[in-house]
């Protein structure tokens, strides 16, 4: 026989957690569900974009320095801040990112403008902005971080409330067809427990992206690693246009075998440093976290950074984003990620139906 005091405490604790789980789930859980639903769609962002905008598909992948230079000369004065190179396993066109948030897409062979997208006229970009900051900028980003922490609490309290006595785990995983109160409760609990690892992973990586600096400090402190290096400042006395064919050739030659350039930012005024992002063989990040910097003349390599050679903590940090967006493990994990985004909404609906049915019986 257990003492009465601990039993009474456990009952009060369970009742309090049940009340919190219900009402926090029906309120904050609604935002969590909407963010999850948007994420399920965004897993297929590039696929949907090419289906919706067929002019972006079907191009031969060409990375030509003359074309790159022409795009930058024309569009950098209009706010172009970086450009994504054509990729065989992604969009085969140049993708330009502008300071005001809009994006432009250019033909790989001649740099002709194919498409311009903004949050106001493109539903996928609108959905992306909702997913990352609730359409409210930095304030929304911070709110989303709080929602993420509360969502983690919901998942863990749900696990505690479900946890059965020894030997009854399989019984507690059973889903019932009726009566309605038992049906919705069993579907809510069992589906939540069975899919908890996936939803927990997506939620943790989402929180890790919002609090990236803190996540990196924690992981590198525990498992080793440092911040990515940066090329030393290299000013120039006279402004001169970069020799983009030579720059591309030099940066490509500096890469380890199997790596490829993915993104470049034009040099700042008065700077001789041109920085590239690259994806080395074995990197999970779709854009890569490896770095190469060269001078404007394309004659000198100023920085090489192979992200695959980092300590474990730094590599774990850089796995957060690809794990969250489903770019790891091929199509199986991609579809699992999309399904994981639907699960908070399923939990919200089944929890609401359980509450409504139980309330109606009183």
Protein backbone atom coordinates (compact mmCIF):
# COMPACT_ATOMS: atom_id res chain seq x y z
CA UNK A 1 0.00 0.00 0.00
CA UNK A 2 1.33 3.43 -0.97
CA UNK A 3 1.04 6.29 1.52
CA UNK A 4 -2.02 8.45 1.00
CA UNK A 5 -0.12 11.76 0.74
CA UNK A 6 1.98 10.86 -2.35
CA UNK A 7 -1.10 9.41 -4.08
CA UNK A 8 -3.09 12.57 -3.42
CA UNK A 9 -0.21 14.70 -4.70
CA UNK A 10 0.03 12.67 -7.92
CA UNK A 11 -3.69 13.02 -8.47
CA UNK A 12 -3.57 16.79 -7.97
CA UNK A 13 -0.54 17.05 -10.26
CA UNK A 14 -2.24 14.96 -12.91
CA UNK A 15 -5.43 17.02 -12.69
CA UNK A 16 -3.47 20.27 -13.00
CA UNK A 17 -1.46 19.00 -15.95
CA UNK A 18 -4.62 17.70 -17.65
CA UNK A 19 -6.26 21.12 -17.31
CA UNK A 20 -3.15 22.91 -18.62
CA UNK A 21 -2.69 20.44 -21.48
CA UNK A 22 -6.31 20.88 -22.55
CA UNK A 23 -6.58 24.65 -22.48
CA UNK A 24 -3.07 25.45 -23.67
CA UNK A 25 -3.58 22.91 -26.42
CA UNK A 26 -6.85 24.51 -27.53
CA UNK A 27 -5.31 28.02 -27.57
CA UNK A 28 -1.58 28.04 -28.27
CA UNK A 29 -1.97 24.65 -29.93
CA UNK A 30 -4.03 26.33 -32.64
CA UNK A 31 -1.05 28.47 -33.68
CA UNK A 32 1.22 25.41 -33.43
CA UNK A 33 -1.15 23.52 -35.74
CA UNK A 34 -1.30 26.30 -38.33
CA UNK A 35 2.48 26.59 -38.37
CA UNK A 36 2.72 22.83 -38.79
CA UNK A 37 0.24 22.82 -41.67
CA UNK A 38 2.17 25.56 -43.46
CA UNK A 39 5.36 23.58 -42.95
CA UNK A 40 3.81 20.51 -44.56
CA UNK A 41 3.21 22.52 -47.72
CA UNK A 42 6.61 24.23 -47.65
CA UNK A 43 8.41 20.89 -47.65
CA UNK A 44 7.45 20.84 -51.34
CA UNK A 45 8.15 24.55 -51.95
CA UNK A 46 10.45 24.10 -54.94
CA UNK A 47 8.32 21.33 -56.46
CA UNK A 48 5.18 23.43 -56.19
CA UNK A 49 6.98 26.49 -57.53
CA UNK A 50 8.13 24.67 -60.66
CA UNK A 51 4.65 23.21 -61.16
CA UNK A 52 3.06 26.63 -60.72
CA UNK A 53 5.72 28.46 -62.78
CA UNK A 54 6.76 26.08 -65.59
CA UNK A 55 9.12 28.69 -67.05
CA UNK A 56 11.50 27.85 -64.18
CA UNK A 57 11.78 24.17 -65.09
CA UNK A 58 13.42 22.29 -67.92
CA UNK A 59 16.55 24.44 -68.28
CA UNK A 60 20.01 23.02 -68.82
CA UNK A 61 22.08 23.81 -65.75
CA UNK A 62 24.69 26.35 -66.82
CA UNK A 63 26.85 28.34 -64.38
CA UNK A 64 28.50 30.98 -66.55
CA UNK A 65 30.53 33.82 -65.11
CA UNK A 66 29.61 36.26 -67.85
CA UNK A 67 25.90 35.68 -67.21
CA UNK A 68 26.39 36.05 -63.46
CA UNK A 69 28.29 39.29 -63.96
CA UNK A 70 25.58 40.68 -66.22
CA UNK A 71 22.84 39.88 -63.70
CA UNK A 72 24.75 41.53 -60.87
CA UNK A 73 25.66 44.63 -62.86
CA UNK A 74 22.03 45.21 -63.79
CA UNK A 75 20.28 44.23 -60.58
CA UNK A 76 22.69 45.02 -57.73
CA UNK A 77 21.87 48.76 -57.93
CA UNK A 78 18.21 47.73 -57.48
CA UNK A 79 18.87 45.93 -54.20
CA UNK A 80 20.11 42.47 -55.21
CA UNK A 81 22.05 41.21 -52.18
CA UNK A 82 22.80 37.57 -53.08
CA UNK A 83 22.21 35.08 -55.82
CA UNK A 84 21.70 31.33 -55.76
CA UNK A 85 23.44 29.46 -58.55
CA UNK A 86 21.54 27.04 -60.84
CA UNK A 87 21.45 23.53 -59.37
CA UNK A 88 20.77 20.15 -60.96
CA UNK A 89 18.98 18.89 -57.83
CA UNK A 90 17.02 22.10 -57.24
CA UNK A 91 15.94 25.01 -59.38
CA UNK A 92 18.01 25.10 -62.59
CA UNK A 93 17.88 28.92 -62.77
CA UNK A 94 19.60 31.85 -61.06
CA UNK A 95 17.65 32.93 -57.95
CA UNK A 96 18.15 36.51 -56.78
CA UNK A 97 17.38 37.65 -53.23
CA UNK A 98 16.70 41.37 -52.74
CA UNK A 99 16.96 43.64 -49.72
CA UNK A 100 13.22 44.28 -49.60
CA UNK A 101 12.47 40.55 -49.45
CA UNK A 102 11.33 39.93 -53.02
CA UNK A 103 12.92 37.28 -55.22
CA UNK A 104 13.72 37.21 -58.93
CA UNK A 105 14.58 34.30 -61.21
CA UNK A 106 16.83 34.50 -64.27
CA UNK A 107 17.48 32.16 -67.19
CA UNK A 108 20.75 30.24 -66.73
CA UNK A 109 22.00 30.78 -70.28
CA UNK A 110 21.46 34.52 -70.78
CA UNK A 111 20.24 35.98 -67.47
CA UNK A 112 16.82 37.00 -68.82
CA UNK A 113 14.27 37.75 -66.11
CA UNK A 114 11.80 34.86 -65.85
CA UNK A 115 9.81 35.68 -62.73
CA UNK A 116 9.52 38.10 -59.82
CA UNK A 117 7.87 37.03 -56.56
CA UNK A 118 6.82 38.98 -53.47
CA UNK A 119 4.92 38.08 -50.32
CA UNK A 120 1.99 40.13 -51.62
CA UNK A 121 1.53 38.25 -54.88
CA UNK A 122 2.86 34.74 -54.25
CA UNK A 123 1.03 32.37 -51.90
CA UNK A 124 4.09 30.19 -51.30
CA UNK A 125 6.18 33.16 -50.15
CA UNK A 126 3.24 34.34 -48.03
CA UNK A 127 3.09 30.89 -46.44
CA UNK A 128 6.84 30.94 -45.88
CA UNK A 129 6.64 34.30 -44.10
CA UNK A 130 3.79 33.00 -41.94
CA UNK A 131 5.79 29.89 -41.07
CA UNK A 132 8.93 31.77 -40.01
CA UNK A 133 7.53 34.90 -38.35
CA UNK A 134 3.70 34.79 -38.41
CA UNK A 135 3.74 37.69 -40.92
CA UNK A 136 4.87 40.01 -38.12
CA UNK A 137 8.61 40.40 -38.69
CA UNK A 138 10.96 40.14 -35.74
CA UNK A 139 8.11 40.39 -33.23
CA UNK A 140 6.36 37.44 -34.86
CA UNK A 141 9.63 35.52 -34.87
CA UNK A 142 9.95 35.99 -31.12
CA UNK A 143 6.32 35.01 -30.55
CA UNK A 144 6.88 31.90 -32.62
CA UNK A 145 9.82 31.00 -30.40
CA UNK A 146 7.56 31.19 -27.33
CA UNK A 147 4.95 29.06 -29.12
CA UNK A 148 7.69 26.53 -29.85
CA UNK A 149 8.65 26.23 -26.17
CA UNK A 150 5.00 25.86 -25.17
CA UNK A 151 4.53 23.21 -27.87
CA UNK A 152 7.43 21.23 -26.39
CA UNK A 153 5.67 21.45 -23.03
CA UNK A 154 2.45 20.15 -24.58
CA UNK A 155 4.26 17.18 -26.08
CA UNK A 156 5.98 16.27 -22.82
CA UNK A 157 2.91 16.73 -20.63
CA UNK A 158 0.93 14.64 -23.09
CA UNK A 159 3.49 11.86 -22.74
CA UNK A 160 3.29 12.08 -18.93
CA UNK A 161 -0.51 11.97 -18.94
CA UNK A 162 -0.51 8.94 -21.24
CA UNK A 163 2.23 6.96 -19.46
CA UNK A 164 0.62 3.72 -18.27
CA UNK A 165 1.31 1.40 -15.42
CA UNK A 166 3.83 -1.39 -15.93
CA UNK A 167 2.58 -4.01 -18.38
CA UNK A 168 -0.27 -1.90 -19.81
CA UNK A 169 1.60 0.02 -22.51
CA UNK A 170 0.13 -1.90 -25.46
CA UNK A 171 -3.37 -1.54 -24.05
CA UNK A 172 -2.88 2.24 -23.83
CA UNK A 173 -1.83 2.38 -27.46
CA UNK A 174 -5.10 0.90 -28.68
CA UNK A 175 -7.44 3.15 -30.65
CA UNK A 176 -11.17 2.63 -30.07
CA UNK A 177 -14.08 3.23 -32.46
CA UNK A 178 -16.54 4.16 -29.74
CA UNK A 179 -18.14 5.50 -27.69
CA UNK A 180 -17.20 9.01 -28.94
CA UNK A 181 -15.50 10.19 -25.74
CA UNK A 182 -13.29 7.11 -25.65
CA UNK A 183 -12.70 7.22 -29.40
CA UNK A 184 -11.38 10.78 -29.50
CA UNK A 185 -9.33 10.36 -26.33
CA UNK A 186 -7.70 7.13 -27.53
CA UNK A 187 -7.01 8.54 -30.99
CA UNK A 188 -5.53 11.70 -29.47
CA UNK A 189 -3.31 9.89 -26.97
CA UNK A 190 -2.20 6.95 -29.08
CA UNK A 191 -1.42 8.93 -32.22
CA UNK A 192 0.43 11.47 -30.11
CA UNK A 193 2.63 8.85 -28.48
CA UNK A 194 3.31 6.87 -31.67
CA UNK A 195 4.34 9.96 -33.62
CA UNK A 196 6.02 11.78 -30.72
CA UNK A 197 9.63 11.19 -31.92
CA UNK A 198 8.91 12.81 -35.30
CA UNK A 199 6.89 15.75 -33.96
CA UNK A 200 9.41 16.30 -31.17
CA UNK A 201 12.27 16.35 -33.69
CA UNK A 202 10.51 18.88 -35.93
CA UNK A 203 9.58 21.07 -32.96
CA UNK A 204 13.06 20.97 -31.44
CA UNK A 205 14.71 21.82 -34.75
CA UNK A 206 12.22 24.64 -35.28
CA UNK A 207 13.06 26.09 -31.86
CA UNK A 208 16.74 25.55 -32.61
CA UNK A 209 16.44 27.62 -35.79
CA UNK A 210 14.69 30.47 -33.96
CA UNK A 211 17.31 30.46 -31.20
CA UNK A 212 20.17 29.56 -33.51
CA UNK A 213 22.94 31.31 -31.55
CA UNK A 214 21.91 29.65 -28.30
CA UNK A 215 21.56 26.24 -29.94
CA UNK A 216 24.99 26.56 -31.53
CA UNK A 217 26.59 27.63 -28.24
CA UNK A 218 24.99 24.69 -26.44
CA UNK A 219 25.93 22.06 -29.02
CA UNK A 220 29.45 23.30 -29.63
CA UNK A 221 30.01 23.64 -25.89
CA UNK A 222 28.94 20.03 -25.35
CA UNK A 223 30.39 18.36 -28.45
CA UNK A 224 33.02 20.77 -29.75
CA UNK A 225 33.22 23.16 -32.65
CA UNK A 226 33.65 26.83 -33.43
CA UNK A 227 31.86 29.55 -35.39
CA UNK A 228 32.46 29.47 -39.16
CA UNK A 229 35.55 31.46 -40.16
CA UNK A 230 35.43 34.71 -42.12
CA UNK A 231 37.93 36.02 -44.63
CA UNK A 232 40.11 38.84 -43.34
CA UNK A 233 39.11 42.31 -44.59
CA UNK A 234 40.87 43.23 -47.81
CA UNK A 235 40.14 46.78 -48.95
CA UNK A 236 40.87 48.09 -52.43
CA UNK A 237 41.97 51.61 -53.31
CA UNK A 238 40.20 51.77 -56.67
CA UNK A 239 36.78 50.23 -57.30
CA UNK A 240 36.94 47.66 -60.10
CA UNK A 241 34.36 45.23 -61.43
CA UNK A 242 34.97 41.59 -60.51
CA UNK A 243 36.20 39.26 -63.24
CA UNK A 244 33.32 36.85 -62.69
CA UNK A 245 34.49 34.04 -65.03
CA UNK A 246 37.88 34.02 -63.28
CA UNK A 247 36.23 34.34 -59.85
CA UNK A 248 33.95 31.35 -60.50
CA UNK A 249 36.81 29.28 -61.87
CA UNK A 250 39.09 30.05 -58.92
CA UNK A 251 36.36 29.39 -56.32
CA UNK A 252 35.40 26.09 -57.99
CA UNK A 253 39.01 24.94 -58.12
CA UNK A 254 39.36 25.66 -54.39
CA UNK A 255 36.58 23.24 -53.47
CA UNK A 256 37.20 19.71 -52.20
CA UNK A 257 36.30 16.84 -54.60
CA UNK A 258 32.56 16.43 -55.03
CA UNK A 259 31.67 19.90 -53.72
CA UNK A 260 29.83 22.60 -55.66
CA UNK A 261 29.18 26.31 -55.29
CA UNK A 262 25.62 27.23 -54.31
CA UNK A 263 25.38 30.94 -53.47
CA UNK A 264 27.35 34.15 -53.82
CA UNK A 265 27.06 37.70 -52.53
CA UNK A 266 28.55 40.58 -54.52
CA UNK A 267 31.50 42.28 -52.79
CA UNK A 268 30.80 45.27 -50.63
CA UNK A 269 31.92 48.66 -51.85
CA UNK A 270 35.64 49.06 -51.24
CA UNK A 271 36.16 45.38 -50.44
CA UNK A 272 38.17 42.89 -52.47
CA UNK A 273 36.49 39.85 -50.86
CA UNK A 274 33.85 37.79 -52.71
CA UNK A 275 32.29 35.10 -50.56
CA UNK A 276 30.62 31.90 -51.76
CA UNK A 277 28.55 29.27 -50.01
CA UNK A 278 29.30 25.72 -51.13
CA UNK A 279 27.96 22.24 -50.49
CA UNK A 280 30.56 19.57 -49.91
CA UNK A 281 29.91 15.89 -50.49
CA UNK A 282 28.11 14.48 -47.45
CA UNK A 283 26.61 17.78 -46.25
CA UNK A 284 22.92 17.62 -45.31
CA UNK A 285 22.25 21.33 -45.72
CA UNK A 286 20.72 21.89 -49.19
CA UNK A 287 22.75 25.09 -49.66
CA UNK A 288 25.82 23.78 -47.90
CA UNK A 289 27.70 25.41 -45.05
CA UNK A 290 31.14 25.23 -46.61
CA UNK A 291 32.74 28.57 -47.55
CA UNK A 292 35.11 29.86 -50.20
CA UNK A 293 36.30 33.46 -50.62
CA UNK A 294 38.38 34.85 -53.49
CA UNK A 295 39.49 38.28 -54.64
CA UNK A 296 37.79 40.34 -57.37
CA UNK A 297 40.40 39.40 -59.94
CA UNK A 298 39.87 35.69 -59.32
CA UNK A 299 43.59 35.25 -58.72
CA UNK A 300 43.76 34.46 -55.00
CA UNK A 301 41.81 32.18 -52.67
CA UNK A 302 41.30 34.08 -49.42
CA UNK A 303 39.38 31.47 -47.41
CA UNK A 304 38.53 27.76 -47.55
CA UNK A 305 36.17 26.16 -45.05
CA UNK A 306 35.04 22.55 -45.43
CA UNK A 307 31.98 22.14 -43.20
CA UNK A 308 32.37 18.34 -43.15
CA UNK A 309 35.69 18.63 -41.29
CA UNK A 310 34.21 20.45 -38.29
CA UNK A 311 33.83 19.02 -34.81
CA UNK A 312 30.63 17.16 -33.95
CA UNK A 313 28.89 20.08 -32.20
CA UNK A 314 29.24 22.38 -35.21
CA UNK A 315 28.01 19.65 -37.59
CA UNK A 316 25.04 18.98 -35.32
CA UNK A 317 24.18 22.68 -35.40
CA UNK A 318 24.23 22.72 -39.18
CA UNK A 319 22.00 19.63 -39.32
CA UNK A 320 19.14 21.49 -37.59
CA UNK A 321 17.84 23.22 -40.73
CA UNK A 322 17.93 20.22 -43.11
CA UNK A 323 16.30 18.00 -40.49
CA UNK A 324 13.52 20.55 -40.09
CA UNK A 325 12.76 21.01 -43.79
CA UNK A 326 12.99 17.33 -44.76
CA UNK A 327 16.05 17.52 -46.99
CA UNK A 328 17.75 14.52 -45.35
CA UNK A 329 17.31 10.90 -46.34
CA UNK A 330 15.58 11.31 -49.68
CA UNK A 331 11.87 11.24 -50.42
CA UNK A 332 10.96 8.98 -47.48
CA UNK A 333 12.02 11.53 -44.87
CA UNK A 334 10.62 14.36 -46.98
CA UNK A 335 7.15 12.78 -46.91
CA UNK A 336 7.56 11.94 -43.21
CA UNK A 337 8.34 15.61 -42.52
CA UNK A 338 5.24 16.67 -44.43
CA UNK A 339 3.15 14.18 -42.44
CA UNK A 340 4.72 15.43 -39.21
CA UNK A 341 3.44 18.92 -39.96
CA UNK A 342 -0.11 17.59 -40.10
CA UNK A 343 0.03 15.86 -36.74
CA UNK A 344 -0.40 18.92 -34.46
CA UNK A 345 -3.63 19.73 -36.32
CA UNK A 346 -4.81 16.14 -35.87
CA UNK A 347 -4.05 16.39 -32.16
CA UNK A 348 -5.91 19.72 -31.93
CA UNK A 349 -9.02 18.34 -33.65
CA UNK A 350 -9.17 15.09 -31.67
CA UNK A 351 -8.50 16.95 -28.41
CA UNK A 352 -11.27 19.42 -29.17
CA UNK A 353 -13.74 16.65 -30.07
CA UNK A 354 -12.90 14.81 -26.86
CA UNK A 355 -13.43 17.97 -24.80
CA UNK A 356 -16.73 18.77 -26.54
CA UNK A 357 -18.10 15.25 -26.14
CA UNK A 358 -17.04 15.01 -22.52
CA UNK A 359 -18.51 18.44 -21.80
CA UNK A 360 -21.78 17.41 -23.44
CA UNK A 361 -22.11 14.45 -21.09
CA UNK A 362 -22.02 16.61 -17.98
